[in-house]
Amino acid sequence: MPSSLRETIGVRADRFYVIQDGARNIYKLKFLSFHEKDRGVRGKPKLMYALVKHGH
């Protein structure tokens, strides 16, 4: 992929994301760093997550 199409701007540290896996578990996810622009290492995102609800 050309570098002009891969511009990375970092992540929004003030956002939480809610995701659901295949077992219907629900998680809260927050990116801490993603790129040099947000004090991270490109290709090695740091995040935290917590199980909000067990699936059935």
Protein backbone atom coordinates (compact mmCIF):
# COMPACT_ATOMS: atom_id res chain seq x y z
CA MET A 1 0.00 0.00 0.00
CA PRO A 2 1.43 3.42 -0.87
CA SER A 3 2.52 5.46 2.12
CA SER A 4 0.20 8.27 1.01
CA LEU A 5 -2.76 5.99 1.80
CA ARG A 6 -1.42 4.90 5.20
CA GLU A 7 -1.40 8.17 7.10
CA THR A 8 -1.84 7.42 10.78
CA ILE A 9 -3.09 10.16 13.03
CA GLY A 10 -3.07 8.32 16.34
CA VAL A 11 -6.02 7.35 18.47
CA ARG A 12 -8.56 9.22 20.51
CA ALA A 13 -7.47 8.78 24.13
CA ASP A 14 -10.78 10.24 25.32
CA ARG A 15 -12.94 7.46 23.79
CA PHE A 16 -14.09 4.05 24.94
CA TYR A 17 -15.30 1.45 22.48
CA VAL A 18 -17.79 -1.29 23.29
CA ILE A 19 -17.23 -4.55 21.42
CA GLN A 20 -18.87 -7.96 21.45
CA ASP A 21 -17.06 -11.21 20.69
CA GLY A 22 -18.40 -14.41 19.16
CA ALA A 23 -19.39 -15.78 22.57
CA ARG A 24 -21.51 -12.64 23.15
CA ASN A 25 -19.19 -11.29 25.84
CA ILE A 26 -19.21 -7.49 25.90
CA TYR A 27 -16.01 -5.57 26.53
CA LYS A 28 -15.10 -1.93 27.07
CA LEU A 29 -11.93 -1.06 25.16
CA LYS A 30 -9.71 2.02 25.33
CA PHE A 31 -6.62 2.71 23.23
CA LEU A 32 -3.78 4.23 25.22
CA SER A 33 -1.30 4.72 22.38
CA PHE A 34 -1.04 3.69 18.75
CA HIS A 35 1.67 5.68 16.97
CA GLU A 36 4.66 7.91 17.61
CA LYS A 37 2.34 10.93 17.48
CA ASP A 38 0.64 9.79 20.70
CA ARG A 39 3.84 8.54 22.40
CA GLY A 40 3.39 4.98 21.17
CA VAL A 41 5.27 2.63 18.89
CA ARG A 42 3.92 2.11 15.39
CA GLY A 43 2.57 -1.42 15.00
CA LYS A 44 2.43 -2.03 18.77
CA PRO A 45 -0.76 -0.44 20.10
CA LYS A 46 -1.31 -0.25 23.83
CA LEU A 47 -4.82 -0.67 25.08
CA MET A 48 -6.81 -1.64 28.11
CA TYR A 49 -10.04 -3.56 28.23
CA ALA A 50 -12.53 -4.86 30.73
CA LEU A 51 -15.28 -7.46 30.52
CA VAL A 52 -18.58 -5.67 31.02
CA LYS A 53 -21.00 -8.58 30.60
CA HIS A 54 -20.61 -12.33 30.17
CA GLY A 55 -22.34 -13.81 27.13
CA HIS A 56 -24.83 -16.63 27.39
